[in-house]
PDB file of all heavy atoms in Angstrom:
ATOM      1  N   LYS A   1       0.831  -1.202   0.000  1.00  0.00           N
ATOM      2  CA  LYS A   1       0.000   0.000   0.000  1.00  0.00           C
ATOM      3  C   LYS A   1       0.871   1.260   0.000  1.00  0.00           C
ATOM      4  O   LYS A   1       0.566   2.245  -0.689  1.00  0.00           O
ATOM      5  CB  LYS A   1      -0.937  -0.014   1.211  1.00  0.00           C
ATOM      6  CG  LYS A   1      -2.018  -1.091   1.127  1.00  0.00           C
ATOM      7  CD  LYS A   1      -2.926  -1.064   2.354  1.00  0.00           C
ATOM      8  CE  LYS A   1      -4.044  -2.093   2.219  1.00  0.00           C
ATOM      9  NZ  LYS A   1      -4.945  -2.103   3.407  1.00  0.00           N
ATOM     10  N   GLN A   2       1.937   1.227   0.754  1.00  0.00           N
ATOM     11  CA  GLN A   2       2.859   2.360   0.816  1.00  0.00           C
ATOM     12  C   GLN A   2       3.502   2.630  -0.545  1.00  0.00           C
ATOM     13  O   GLN A   2       3.682   3.784  -0.953  1.00  0.00           O
ATOM     14  CB  GLN A   2       3.937   2.075   1.859  1.00  0.00           C
ATOM     15  CG  GLN A   2       5.021   3.138   1.989  1.00  0.00           C
ATOM     16  CD  GLN A   2       6.062   2.725   3.018  1.00  0.00           C
ATOM     17  OE1 GLN A   2       5.732   2.198   4.087  1.00  0.00           O
ATOM     18  NE2 GLN A   2       7.325   2.948   2.699  1.00  0.00           N
ATOM     19  N   GLU A   3       3.836   1.567  -1.258  1.00  0.00           N
ATOM     20  CA  GLU A   3       4.519   1.679  -2.547  1.00  0.00           C
ATOM     21  C   GLU A   3       3.554   1.832  -3.721  1.00  0.00           C
ATOM     22  O   GLU A   3       3.983   2.091  -4.842  1.00  0.00           O
ATOM     23  CB  GLU A   3       5.396   0.441  -2.779  1.00  0.00           C
ATOM     24  CG  GLU A   3       6.661   0.398  -1.941  1.00  0.00           C
ATOM     25  CD  GLU A   3       7.735   1.311  -2.493  1.00  0.00           C
ATOM     26  OE1 GLU A   3       7.661   1.686  -3.684  1.00  0.00           O
ATOM     27  OE2 GLU A   3       8.659   1.658  -1.738  1.00  0.00           O
ATOM     28  N   GLY A   4       2.266   1.642  -3.483  1.00  0.00           N
ATOM     29  CA  GLY A   4       1.308   1.673  -4.579  1.00  0.00           C
ATOM     30  C   GLY A   4       1.508   0.519  -5.540  1.00  0.00           C
ATOM     31  O   GLY A   4       1.386   0.664  -6.772  1.00  0.00           O
ATOM     32  N   ALA A   5       1.822  -0.651  -5.008  1.00  0.00           N
ATOM     33  CA  ALA A   5       2.117  -1.822  -5.830  1.00  0.00           C
ATOM     34  C   ALA A   5       0.845  -2.408  -6.432  1.00  0.00           C
ATOM     35  O   ALA A   5      -0.263  -2.245  -5.905  1.00  0.00           O
ATOM     36  CB  ALA A   5       2.833  -2.874  -4.996  1.00  0.00           C
ATOM     37  N   ASP A   6       1.038  -3.126  -7.536  1.00  0.00           N
ATOM     38  CA  ASP A   6      -0.083  -3.760  -8.244  1.00  0.00           C
ATOM     39  C   ASP A   6      -0.292  -5.208  -7.828  1.00  0.00           C
ATOM     40  O   ASP A   6      -1.351  -5.787  -8.095  1.00  0.00           O
ATOM     41  CB  ASP A   6       0.169  -3.713  -9.760  1.00  0.00           C
ATOM     42  CG  ASP A   6       0.359  -2.297 -10.262  1.00  0.00           C
ATOM     43  OD1 ASP A   6      -0.525  -1.463 -10.015  1.00  0.00           O
ATOM     44  OD2 ASP A   6       1.408  -2.026 -10.889  1.00  0.00           O
ATOM     45  N   ALA A   7       0.714  -5.832  -7.215  1.00  0.00           N
ATOM     46  CA  ALA A   7       0.607  -7.243  -6.833  1.00  0.00           C
ATOM     47  C   ALA A   7       1.647  -7.560  -5.763  1.00  0.00           C
ATOM     48  O   ALA A   7       2.629  -6.837  -5.583  1.00  0.00           O
ATOM     49  CB  ALA A   7       0.812  -8.148  -8.044  1.00  0.00           C
ATOM     50  N   ILE A   8       1.408  -8.680  -5.066  1.00  0.00           N
ATOM     51  CA  ILE A   8       2.357  -9.222  -4.095  1.00  0.00           C
ATOM     52  C   ILE A   8       2.759 -10.608  -4.577  1.00  0.00           C
ATOM     53  O   ILE A   8       1.917 -11.393  -5.023  1.00  0.00           O
ATOM     54  CB  ILE A   8       1.741  -9.303  -2.687  1.00  0.00           C
ATOM     55  CG1 ILE A   8       1.466  -7.890  -2.158  1.00  0.00           C
ATOM     56  CG2 ILE A   8       2.654 -10.057  -1.726  1.00  0.00           C
ATOM     57  CD1 ILE A   8       0.740  -7.871  -0.820  1.00  0.00           C
ATOM     58  N   CYS A   9       4.050 -10.910  -4.470  1.00  0.00           N
ATOM     59  CA  CYS A   9       4.571 -12.194  -4.935  1.00  0.00           C
ATOM     60  C   CYS A   9       5.272 -12.915  -3.786  1.00  0.00           C
ATOM     61  O   CYS A   9       5.941 -12.293  -2.962  1.00  0.00           O
ATOM     62  CB  CYS A   9       5.547 -11.965  -6.097  1.00  0.00           C
ATOM     63  SG  CYS A   9       6.332 -13.474  -6.725  1.00  0.00           S
ATOM     64  N   HIS A  10       5.123 -14.236  -3.739  1.00  0.00           N
ATOM     65  CA  HIS A  10       5.859 -15.052  -2.776  1.00  0.00           C
ATOM     66  C   HIS A  10       6.479 -16.245  -3.504  1.00  0.00           C
ATOM     67  O   HIS A  10       6.069 -16.601  -4.603  1.00  0.00           O
ATOM     68  CB  HIS A  10       4.959 -15.534  -1.635  1.00  0.00           C
ATOM     69  CG  HIS A  10       3.830 -16.431  -2.067  1.00  0.00           C
ATOM     70  ND1 HIS A  10       4.019 -17.738  -2.465  1.00  0.00           N
ATOM     71  CD2 HIS A  10       2.486 -16.209  -2.165  1.00  0.00           C
ATOM     72  CE1 HIS A  10       2.855 -18.287  -2.779  1.00  0.00           C
ATOM     73  NE2 HIS A  10       1.905 -17.373  -2.615  1.00  0.00           N
ATOM     74  N   GLY A  11       7.465 -16.857  -2.863  1.00  0.00           N
ATOM     75  CA  GLY A  11       8.173 -17.970  -3.481  1.00  0.00           C
ATOM     76  C   GLY A  11       7.807 -19.324  -2.937  1.00  0.00           C
ATOM     77  O   GLY A  11       8.578 -20.276  -3.065  1.00  0.00           O
ATOM     78  N   CYS A  12       6.625 -19.460  -2.367  1.00  0.00           N
ATOM     79  CA  CYS A  12       6.220 -20.723  -1.746  1.00  0.00           C
ATOM     80  C   CYS A  12       5.864 -21.766  -2.798  1.00  0.00           C
ATOM     81  O   CYS A  12       5.201 -21.474  -3.794  1.00  0.00           O
ATOM     82  CB  CYS A  12       5.016 -20.506  -0.833  1.00  0.00           C
ATOM     83  SG  CYS A  12       5.254 -19.234   0.403  1.00  0.00           S
ATOM     84  N   THR A  13       6.258 -22.989  -2.528  1.00  0.00           N
ATOM     85  CA  THR A  13       5.903 -24.085  -3.408  1.00  0.00           C
ATOM     86  C   THR A  13       4.402 -24.375  -3.354  1.00  0.00           C
ATOM     87  O   THR A  13       3.748 -24.145  -2.324  1.00  0.00           O
ATOM     88  CB  THR A  13       6.679 -25.361  -3.029  1.00  0.00           C
ATOM     89  OG1 THR A  13       6.172 -26.472  -3.774  1.00  0.00           O
ATOM     90  CG2 THR A  13       6.535 -25.676  -1.551  1.00  0.00           C
ATOM     91  N   GLY A  14       3.873 -24.888  -4.449  1.00  0.00           N
ATOM     92  CA  GLY A  14       2.457 -25.248  -4.508  1.00  0.00           C
ATOM     93  C   GLY A  14       2.123 -26.491  -3.717  1.00  0.00           C
ATOM     94  O   GLY A  14       0.947 -26.864  -3.608  1.00  0.00           O
ATOM     95  N   LYS A  15       3.144 -27.144  -3.142  1.00  0.00           N
ATOM     96  CA  LYS A  15       2.917 -28.338  -2.335  1.00  0.00           C
ATOM     97  C   LYS A  15       2.887 -28.045  -0.841  1.00  0.00           C
ATOM     98  O   LYS A  15       2.600 -28.937  -0.043  1.00  0.00           O
ATOM     99  CB  LYS A  15       4.029 -29.371  -2.597  1.00  0.00           C
ATOM    100  CG  LYS A  15       4.004 -30.019  -3.968  1.00  0.00           C
ATOM    101  CD  LYS A  15       5.092 -31.089  -4.062  1.00  0.00           C
ATOM    102  CE  LYS A  15       5.036 -31.823  -5.388  1.00  0.00           C
ATOM    103  NZ  LYS A  15       6.082 -32.885  -5.470  1.00  0.00           N
ATOM    104  N   GLY A  16       3.222 -26.821  -0.456  1.00  0.00           N
ATOM    105  CA  GLY A  16       3.450 -26.546   0.956  1.00  0.00           C
ATOM    106  C   GLY A  16       2.361 -25.778   1.664  1.00  0.00           C
ATOM    107  O   GLY A  16       1.344 -25.380   1.075  1.00  0.00           O
ATOM    108  N   ASN A  17       2.608 -25.547   2.958  1.00  0.00           N
ATOM    109  CA  ASN A  17       1.668 -24.820   3.805  1.00  0.00           C
ATOM    110  C   ASN A  17       1.821 -23.307   3.703  1.00  0.00           C
ATOM    111  O   ASN A  17       0.861 -22.561   3.884  1.00  0.00           O
ATOM    112  CB  ASN A  17       1.886 -25.216   5.275  1.00  0.00           C
ATOM    113  CG  ASN A  17       1.725 -26.690   5.524  1.00  0.00           C
ATOM    114  OD1 ASN A  17       0.715 -27.285   5.158  1.00  0.00           O
ATOM    115  ND2 ASN A  17       2.720 -27.306   6.148  1.00  0.00           N
ATOM    116  N   ASP A  18       3.043 -22.846   3.428  1.00  0.00           N
ATOM    117  CA  ASP A  18       3.313 -21.412   3.504  1.00  0.00           C
ATOM    118  C   ASP A  18       2.522 -20.602   2.486  1.00  0.00           C
ATOM    119  O   ASP A  18       2.178 -19.442   2.741  1.00  0.00           O
ATOM    120  CB  ASP A  18       4.806 -21.143   3.342  1.00  0.00           C
ATOM    121  CG  ASP A  18       5.578 -21.350   4.635  1.00  0.00           C
ATOM    122  OD1 ASP A  18       4.929 -21.424   5.696  1.00  0.00           O
ATOM    123  OD2 ASP A  18       6.810 -21.425   4.585  1.00  0.00           O
ATOM    124  N   GLN A  19       2.236 -21.183   1.321  1.00  0.00           N
ATOM    125  CA  GLN A  19       1.434 -20.461   0.341  1.00  0.00           C
ATOM    126  C   GLN A  19       0.070 -20.090   0.924  1.00  0.00           C
ATOM    127  O   GLN A  19      -0.436 -18.981   0.717  1.00  0.00           O
ATOM    128  CB  GLN A  19       1.237 -21.320  -0.913  1.00  0.00           C
ATOM    129  CG  GLN A  19       0.562 -22.664  -0.645  1.00  0.00           C
ATOM    130  CD  GLN A  19       0.333 -23.502  -1.875  1.00  0.00           C
ATOM    131  OE1 GLN A  19       0.272 -22.995  -2.988  1.00  0.00           O
ATOM    132  NE2 GLN A  19       0.197 -24.814  -1.689  1.00  0.00           N
ATOM    133  N   VAL A  20      -0.493 -20.985   1.701  1.00  0.00           N
ATOM    134  CA  VAL A  20      -1.796 -20.740   2.333  1.00  0.00           C
ATOM    135  C   VAL A  20      -1.649 -19.677   3.416  1.00  0.00           C
ATOM    136  O   VAL A  20      -2.445 -18.731   3.502  1.00  0.00           O
ATOM    137  CB  VAL A  20      -2.375 -22.034   2.931  1.00  0.00           C
ATOM    138  CG1 VAL A  20      -3.742 -21.771   3.565  1.00  0.00           C
ATOM    139  CG2 VAL A  20      -2.475 -23.121   1.870  1.00  0.00           C
ATOM    140  N   ARG A  21      -0.620 -19.807   4.239  1.00  0.00           N
ATOM    141  CA  ARG A  21      -0.422 -18.874   5.351  1.00  0.00           C
ATOM    142  C   ARG A  21      -0.222 -17.446   4.859  1.00  0.00           C
ATOM    143  O   ARG A  21      -0.830 -16.500   5.374  1.00  0.00           O
ATOM    144  CB  ARG A  21       0.776 -19.329   6.178  1.00  0.00           C
ATOM    145  CG  ARG A  21       0.578 -20.679   6.849  1.00  0.00           C
ATOM    146  CD  ARG A  21       1.890 -21.248   7.339  1.00  0.00           C
ATOM    147  NE  ARG A  21       1.725 -22.553   7.975  1.00  0.00           N
ATOM    148  CZ  ARG A  21       2.701 -23.437   8.127  1.00  0.00           C
ATOM    149  NH1 ARG A  21       3.924 -23.154   7.691  1.00  0.00           N
ATOM    150  NH2 ARG A  21       2.475 -24.597   8.709  1.00  0.00           N
ATOM    151  N   PHE A  22       0.658 -17.280   3.859  1.00  0.00           N
ATOM    152  CA  PHE A  22       0.903 -15.949   3.322  1.00  0.00           C
ATOM    153  C   PHE A  22      -0.366 -15.360   2.703  1.00  0.00           C
ATOM    154  O   PHE A  22      -0.733 -14.206   2.954  1.00  0.00           O
ATOM    155  CB  PHE A  22       2.001 -15.997   2.258  1.00  0.00           C
ATOM    156  CG  PHE A  22       3.393 -15.903   2.810  1.00  0.00           C
ATOM    157  CD1 PHE A  22       4.346 -16.858   2.497  1.00  0.00           C
ATOM    158  CD2 PHE A  22       3.772 -14.859   3.645  1.00  0.00           C
ATOM    159  CE1 PHE A  22       5.644 -16.775   2.996  1.00  0.00           C
ATOM    160  CE2 PHE A  22       5.057 -14.763   4.149  1.00  0.00           C
ATOM    161  CZ  PHE A  22       5.993 -15.734   3.820  1.00  0.00           C
ATOM    162  N   GLU A  23      -1.026 -16.163   1.886  1.00  0.00           N
ATOM    163  CA  GLU A  23      -2.147 -15.615   1.121  1.00  0.00           C
ATOM    164  C   GLU A  23      -3.361 -15.325   1.990  1.00  0.00           C
ATOM    165  O   GLU A  23      -4.106 -14.372   1.730  1.00  0.00           O
ATOM    166  CB  GLU A  23      -2.481 -16.544  -0.041  1.00  0.00           C
ATOM    167  CG  GLU A  23      -1.335 -16.603  -1.061  1.00  0.00           C
ATOM    168  CD  GLU A  23      -1.692 -17.345  -2.331  1.00  0.00           C
ATOM    169  OE1 GLU A  23      -2.884 -17.393  -2.698  1.00  0.00           O
ATOM    170  OE2 GLU A  23      -0.761 -17.877  -2.970  1.00  0.00           O
ATOM    171  N   LEU A  24      -3.582 -16.112   3.043  1.00  0.00           N
ATOM    172  CA  LEU A  24      -4.690 -15.793   3.949  1.00  0.00           C
ATOM    173  C   LEU A  24      -4.412 -14.500   4.706  1.00  0.00           C
ATOM    174  O   LEU A  24      -5.324 -13.701   4.940  1.00  0.00           O
ATOM    175  CB  LEU A  24      -4.930 -16.937   4.933  1.00  0.00           C
ATOM    176  CG  LEU A  24      -5.476 -18.246   4.358  1.00  0.00           C
ATOM    177  CD1 LEU A  24      -5.879 -19.198   5.482  1.00  0.00           C
ATOM    178  CD2 LEU A  24      -6.652 -18.019   3.428  1.00  0.00           C
TER     179      LEU A  24
END
């Protein structure tokens, strides 16, 4: 929000838990 960004990106694998944790 501070940067006025258009998207957020993470490097979590599609097999793991972290993708869910970050995105929620």
